């Protein structure tokens, strides 16, 4: 039986990228990811504005000459890989992905009493909440709907059924989703959401070379109402492996949170500048999402 094709194209994917995603999904993993990475490098040769922006980011990391160009090309290739991973192109089942998932800092999650807020960011590879579930952690996701041929497969449905789609800029606890998240946390479950997505109004900005990280306030409202610990979660790619790192809980006061996140991202952009596409290409209006 052939996998069902999604009827509607999700708004986060451009028309051309959506056609590529559906086509490349027929290839075994990771060939679809590799070809989409190459496509986005070649695309920049036509859309010169993308190439200029990538070079601008690379220059902001104090690189010049050939090193600047290499980082720009790696950044564009990473965008293609991340787009493919957001649709799990070529990944037929969680079992096929499990050998390529590595979790670091699980002791911080184990030491959390009751429910914890796992605070993700749009850097590295998407799907860290899924990676955590594949590794055996029970995590609820608050974010946009996942739609692709891959996500429609029966093997993946148990991992994504029951997730909630957050309303953009829902206010402190506006809408039903954040209220449900409070109930989930108070019941002792873990909730994963992104700090730089469309959840809540802007709380603060972390200055970084090449452009700031915009942190929104949805997680602060959840913490205020539940007193749940907030654990920053960062991901990066090591070859084919998706590495998820869980950091110690953030302190209670906002100023200290800003300082700690600033240090985390200064280190991250130094080590993995090619995996910071949404920092290099900030979306209009500050609502972070993969685009094509």
Protein backbone atom coordinates (compact mmCIF):
# COMPACT_ATOMS: atom_id res chain seq x y z
CA UNK A 1 0.00 0.00 0.00
CA UNK A 2 1.43 3.37 -1.00
CA UNK A 3 1.86 6.11 1.59
CA UNK A 4 -0.92 8.68 1.46
CA UNK A 5 -0.08 12.09 0.06
CA UNK A 6 -1.08 15.07 2.23
CA UNK A 7 -3.93 16.91 0.56
CA UNK A 8 -2.82 20.46 1.39
CA UNK A 9 0.61 22.09 1.38
CA UNK A 10 1.55 23.42 4.84
CA UNK A 11 2.13 27.18 4.85
CA UNK A 12 5.70 26.83 6.17
CA UNK A 13 6.81 25.21 2.90
CA UNK A 14 7.15 27.03 -0.40
CA UNK A 15 5.52 25.40 -3.42
CA UNK A 16 8.80 24.31 -5.01
CA UNK A 17 10.18 22.96 -1.74
CA UNK A 18 6.95 21.03 -1.11
CA UNK A 19 7.23 19.30 -4.50
CA UNK A 20 10.86 18.42 -3.72
CA UNK A 21 9.96 17.11 -0.28
CA UNK A 22 7.27 14.81 -1.66
CA UNK A 23 9.54 13.61 -4.48
CA UNK A 24 12.71 13.08 -2.44
CA UNK A 25 10.81 11.22 0.25
CA UNK A 26 10.70 8.23 -2.08
CA UNK A 27 14.49 7.88 -1.77
CA UNK A 28 16.11 6.00 1.12
CA UNK A 29 17.39 8.17 3.95
CA UNK A 30 19.57 10.24 3.95
CA UNK A 31 19.70 10.79 0.17
CA UNK A 32 16.72 13.13 0.22
CA UNK A 33 18.37 15.29 2.86
CA UNK A 34 21.63 15.40 0.91
CA UNK A 35 19.95 16.36 -2.34
CA UNK A 36 17.84 19.06 -0.68
CA UNK A 37 21.02 20.44 0.90
CA UNK A 38 22.65 20.61 -2.54
CA UNK A 39 19.50 22.19 -4.01
CA UNK A 40 19.59 25.05 -1.51
CA UNK A 41 23.24 25.75 -2.27
CA UNK A 42 22.47 25.87 -6.00
CA UNK A 43 19.38 27.98 -5.35
CA UNK A 44 21.56 30.66 -3.77
CA UNK A 45 23.49 30.96 -7.02
CA UNK A 46 20.24 32.10 -8.65
CA UNK A 47 18.78 34.07 -5.73
CA UNK A 48 21.83 36.18 -5.08
CA UNK A 49 20.19 37.91 -2.12
CA UNK A 50 20.27 34.59 -0.22
CA UNK A 51 23.97 34.19 -0.98
CA UNK A 52 24.69 37.74 0.17
CA UNK A 53 22.82 37.18 3.42
CA UNK A 54 24.71 33.94 4.07
CA UNK A 55 28.01 35.71 3.40
CA UNK A 56 26.95 38.53 5.71
CA UNK A 57 26.35 36.03 8.51
CA UNK A 58 29.68 34.34 7.87
CA UNK A 59 31.45 37.69 7.91
CA UNK A 60 29.83 38.54 11.25
CA UNK A 61 31.52 35.43 12.67
CA UNK A 62 34.90 37.11 11.99
CA UNK A 63 35.63 34.98 8.93
CA UNK A 64 37.03 36.17 5.64
CA UNK A 65 38.21 34.82 2.32
CA UNK A 66 37.69 31.12 1.61
CA UNK A 67 36.57 30.38 5.20
CA UNK A 68 33.76 32.91 4.87
CA UNK A 69 32.56 31.29 1.67
CA UNK A 70 32.75 27.78 3.14
CA UNK A 71 30.61 28.80 6.10
CA UNK A 72 28.07 30.49 3.83
CA UNK A 73 27.76 27.34 1.70
CA UNK A 74 27.47 25.15 4.82
CA UNK A 75 24.74 27.42 6.19
CA UNK A 76 22.70 27.15 2.99
CA UNK A 77 23.18 23.38 2.85
CA UNK A 78 22.06 23.10 6.47
CA UNK A 79 18.83 24.89 5.61
CA UNK A 80 18.06 22.20 3.04
CA UNK A 81 18.86 19.41 5.48
CA UNK A 82 16.75 21.00 8.21
CA UNK A 83 13.82 21.44 5.84
CA UNK A 84 14.03 17.78 4.87
CA UNK A 85 14.24 16.70 8.50
CA UNK A 86 11.20 18.80 9.44
CA UNK A 87 9.26 16.54 7.05
CA UNK A 88 11.29 13.41 7.98
CA UNK A 89 12.13 12.90 4.32
CA UNK A 90 13.13 9.30 3.73
CA UNK A 91 12.81 8.19 7.36
CA UNK A 92 10.37 5.29 7.27
CA UNK A 93 10.06 4.65 11.01
CA UNK A 94 11.33 5.77 14.43
CA UNK A 95 13.36 2.55 14.62
CA UNK A 96 15.30 3.57 11.50
CA UNK A 97 16.21 6.88 13.16
CA UNK A 98 16.96 5.64 16.69
CA UNK A 99 20.66 4.73 16.04
CA UNK A 100 21.24 8.32 14.93
CA UNK A 101 19.80 10.02 18.04
CA UNK A 102 22.02 10.98 20.97
CA UNK A 103 20.75 12.68 24.15
CA UNK A 104 23.10 14.53 26.48
CA UNK A 105 22.19 15.95 29.87
CA UNK A 106 19.35 13.53 30.61
CA UNK A 107 20.31 13.73 34.29
CA UNK A 108 18.87 17.26 34.39
CA UNK A 109 15.51 15.95 33.22
CA UNK A 110 15.59 13.03 35.64
CA UNK A 111 16.25 15.38 38.56
CA UNK A 112 13.21 17.54 37.74
CA UNK A 113 10.40 16.99 40.21
CA UNK A 114 7.10 16.73 38.40
CA UNK A 115 6.61 18.27 34.98
CA UNK A 116 9.34 20.30 33.29
CA UNK A 117 9.31 22.86 30.49
CA UNK A 118 11.82 21.90 27.81
CA UNK A 119 12.76 25.14 26.08
CA UNK A 120 13.87 24.55 22.52
CA UNK A 121 15.20 26.90 19.85
CA UNK A 122 15.23 27.01 16.06
CA UNK A 123 18.90 26.14 15.67
CA UNK A 124 20.49 22.83 14.80
CA UNK A 125 18.11 20.21 13.45
CA UNK A 126 14.34 20.37 13.92
CA UNK A 127 12.40 17.64 15.68
CA UNK A 128 14.27 17.50 19.00
CA UNK A 129 11.04 16.64 20.80
CA UNK A 130 10.64 13.65 18.47
CA UNK A 131 14.28 12.71 19.05
CA UNK A 132 13.60 12.73 22.80
CA UNK A 133 10.58 10.47 22.32
CA UNK A 134 12.53 8.12 20.07
CA UNK A 135 15.10 7.92 22.89
CA UNK A 136 12.37 6.94 25.37
CA UNK A 137 11.40 10.26 26.98
CA UNK A 138 7.71 11.13 27.30
CA UNK A 139 7.42 14.70 26.02
CA UNK A 140 4.42 16.70 24.82
CA UNK A 141 5.00 19.10 21.92
CA UNK A 142 3.41 22.52 21.65
CA UNK A 143 3.93 23.88 18.16
CA UNK A 144 2.71 23.84 14.58
CA UNK A 145 1.10 20.88 12.87
CA UNK A 146 3.40 18.32 11.29
CA UNK A 147 2.26 17.51 7.77
CA UNK A 148 4.13 15.49 5.15
CA UNK A 149 4.05 12.06 3.56
CA UNK A 150 6.45 10.88 6.27
CA UNK A 151 4.39 12.12 9.20
CA UNK A 152 1.32 10.41 7.68
CA UNK A 153 2.92 6.98 7.88
CA UNK A 154 1.44 4.64 10.51
CA UNK A 155 4.87 4.08 12.06
CA UNK A 156 5.17 7.75 13.02
CA UNK A 157 1.60 8.52 14.02
CA UNK A 158 1.87 7.23 17.64
CA UNK A 159 4.70 9.70 18.25
CA UNK A 160 2.80 12.77 17.02
CA UNK A 161 -0.86 12.06 17.78
CA UNK A 162 -2.10 14.14 20.68
CA UNK A 163 0.26 17.07 20.10
CA UNK A 164 -1.18 20.56 20.33
CA UNK A 165 -0.91 23.37 17.82
CA UNK A 166 -0.15 26.66 19.51
CA UNK A 167 -1.96 29.81 18.53
CA UNK A 168 0.40 32.60 17.45
CA UNK A 169 0.67 35.43 19.98
CA UNK A 170 -2.02 33.94 22.20
CA UNK A 171 -1.24 36.24 25.12
CA UNK A 172 -0.13 35.24 28.65
CA UNK A 173 -2.47 32.26 28.78
CA UNK A 174 -4.87 33.11 26.03
CA UNK A 175 -6.47 30.34 24.03
CA UNK A 176 -6.96 26.77 25.14
CA UNK A 177 -3.57 25.35 24.25
CA UNK A 178 -1.48 27.09 26.90
CA UNK A 179 -4.13 26.32 29.50
CA UNK A 180 -3.95 22.65 28.52
CA UNK A 181 -0.17 22.87 28.77
CA UNK A 182 -0.56 24.07 32.36
CA UNK A 183 -2.70 21.06 33.17
CA UNK A 184 -0.16 18.74 31.53
CA UNK A 185 2.70 20.23 33.56
CA UNK A 186 0.75 20.12 36.82
CA UNK A 187 0.01 16.46 36.11
CA UNK A 188 3.76 15.78 36.05
CA UNK A 189 4.33 15.53 32.30
CA UNK A 190 7.04 17.34 30.33
CA UNK A 191 6.21 19.98 27.73
CA UNK A 192 8.48 21.00 24.85
CA UNK A 193 8.07 24.36 23.14
CA UNK A 194 10.34 26.81 21.35
CA UNK A 195 11.34 30.11 22.93
CA UNK A 196 11.97 31.84 19.60
CA UNK A 197 8.78 30.73 17.86
CA UNK A 198 5.41 32.46 17.76
CA UNK A 199 4.43 31.72 21.37
CA UNK A 200 3.65 34.94 23.22
CA UNK A 201 4.96 38.44 22.87
CA UNK A 202 8.64 39.34 22.77
CA UNK A 203 10.25 39.04 26.21
CA UNK A 204 13.85 40.01 25.47
CA UNK A 205 16.62 39.79 22.89
CA UNK A 206 19.98 38.10 23.20
CA UNK A 207 22.58 40.04 21.17
CA UNK A 208 24.75 37.83 18.98
CA UNK A 209 27.21 38.38 16.14
CA UNK A 210 25.15 38.62 12.97
CA UNK A 211 21.79 39.28 14.62
CA UNK A 212 19.87 38.88 17.90
CA UNK A 213 18.00 35.88 19.22
CA UNK A 214 14.40 36.98 19.90
CA UNK A 215 13.00 35.20 22.96
CA UNK A 216 9.23 35.19 23.42
CA UNK A 217 7.22 35.03 26.62
CA UNK A 218 4.99 31.95 26.31
CA UNK A 219 7.29 29.78 28.45
CA UNK A 220 7.46 32.50 31.12
CA UNK A 221 3.68 32.43 31.46
CA UNK A 222 3.73 28.65 31.80
CA UNK A 223 6.46 28.82 34.44
CA UNK A 224 4.61 31.51 36.40
CA UNK A 225 1.39 29.48 36.50
CA UNK A 226 2.94 26.08 37.23
CA UNK A 227 6.32 26.76 38.90
CA UNK A 228 7.72 24.07 36.59
CA UNK A 229 11.50 24.12 36.03
CA UNK A 230 12.64 25.39 32.62
CA UNK A 231 15.44 23.42 30.96
CA UNK A 232 17.01 24.91 27.81
CA UNK A 233 17.38 22.34 25.03
CA UNK A 234 19.77 22.80 22.11
CA UNK A 235 20.40 20.46 19.21
CA UNK A 236 23.09 20.09 16.60
CA UNK A 237 24.07 17.72 13.85
CA UNK A 238 27.18 15.55 14.07
CA UNK A 239 27.36 13.83 10.70
CA UNK A 240 24.10 11.87 10.43
CA UNK A 241 23.49 12.01 14.20
CA UNK A 242 20.95 14.33 15.82
CA UNK A 243 22.42 15.40 19.16
CA UNK A 244 20.06 16.88 21.76
CA UNK A 245 21.61 18.57 24.80
CA UNK A 246 19.48 19.28 27.88
CA UNK A 247 20.94 22.05 30.03
CA UNK A 248 20.41 22.73 33.77
CA UNK A 249 17.24 24.60 34.82
CA UNK A 250 17.12 28.36 34.36
CA UNK A 251 17.00 30.55 37.50
CA UNK A 252 13.84 32.33 38.57
CA UNK A 253 14.80 35.92 37.73
CA UNK A 254 14.62 37.12 34.14
CA UNK A 255 17.95 38.96 34.11
CA UNK A 256 19.83 35.78 35.02
CA UNK A 257 17.89 33.89 32.34
CA UNK A 258 19.03 36.43 29.76
CA UNK A 259 22.65 36.08 30.87
CA UNK A 260 22.62 32.28 30.82
CA UNK A 261 20.93 32.06 27.42
CA UNK A 262 23.41 34.64 26.15
CA UNK A 263 26.34 32.46 27.24
CA UNK A 264 24.75 29.33 25.79
CA UNK A 265 24.23 30.96 22.41
CA UNK A 266 27.62 32.64 22.32
CA UNK A 267 29.11 29.16 22.71
CA UNK A 268 26.67 27.62 20.23
CA UNK A 269 27.26 30.17 17.45
CA UNK A 270 31.01 29.78 17.95
CA UNK A 271 30.87 25.98 17.65
CA UNK A 272 28.06 25.54 15.11
CA UNK A 273 27.66 28.77 13.10
CA UNK A 274 26.56 26.82 10.04
CA UNK A 275 23.54 25.46 11.96
CA UNK A 276 22.09 28.88 12.84
CA UNK A 277 20.00 29.48 9.73
CA UNK A 278 17.12 31.27 11.47
CA UNK A 279 19.57 33.64 13.15
CA UNK A 280 21.25 34.37 9.83
CA UNK A 281 17.88 34.70 8.03
CA UNK A 282 15.48 36.18 10.61
CA UNK A 283 11.90 35.85 9.32
CA UNK A 284 9.64 38.89 8.82
CA UNK A 285 7.76 39.81 11.98
CA UNK A 286 10.02 37.69 14.16
CA UNK A 287 7.92 34.51 13.90
CA UNK A 288 10.52 31.80 13.46
CA UNK A 289 9.79 28.94 11.10
CA UNK A 290 11.54 27.03 8.38
CA UNK A 291 10.74 28.62 5.07
CA UNK A 292 11.60 27.90 1.47
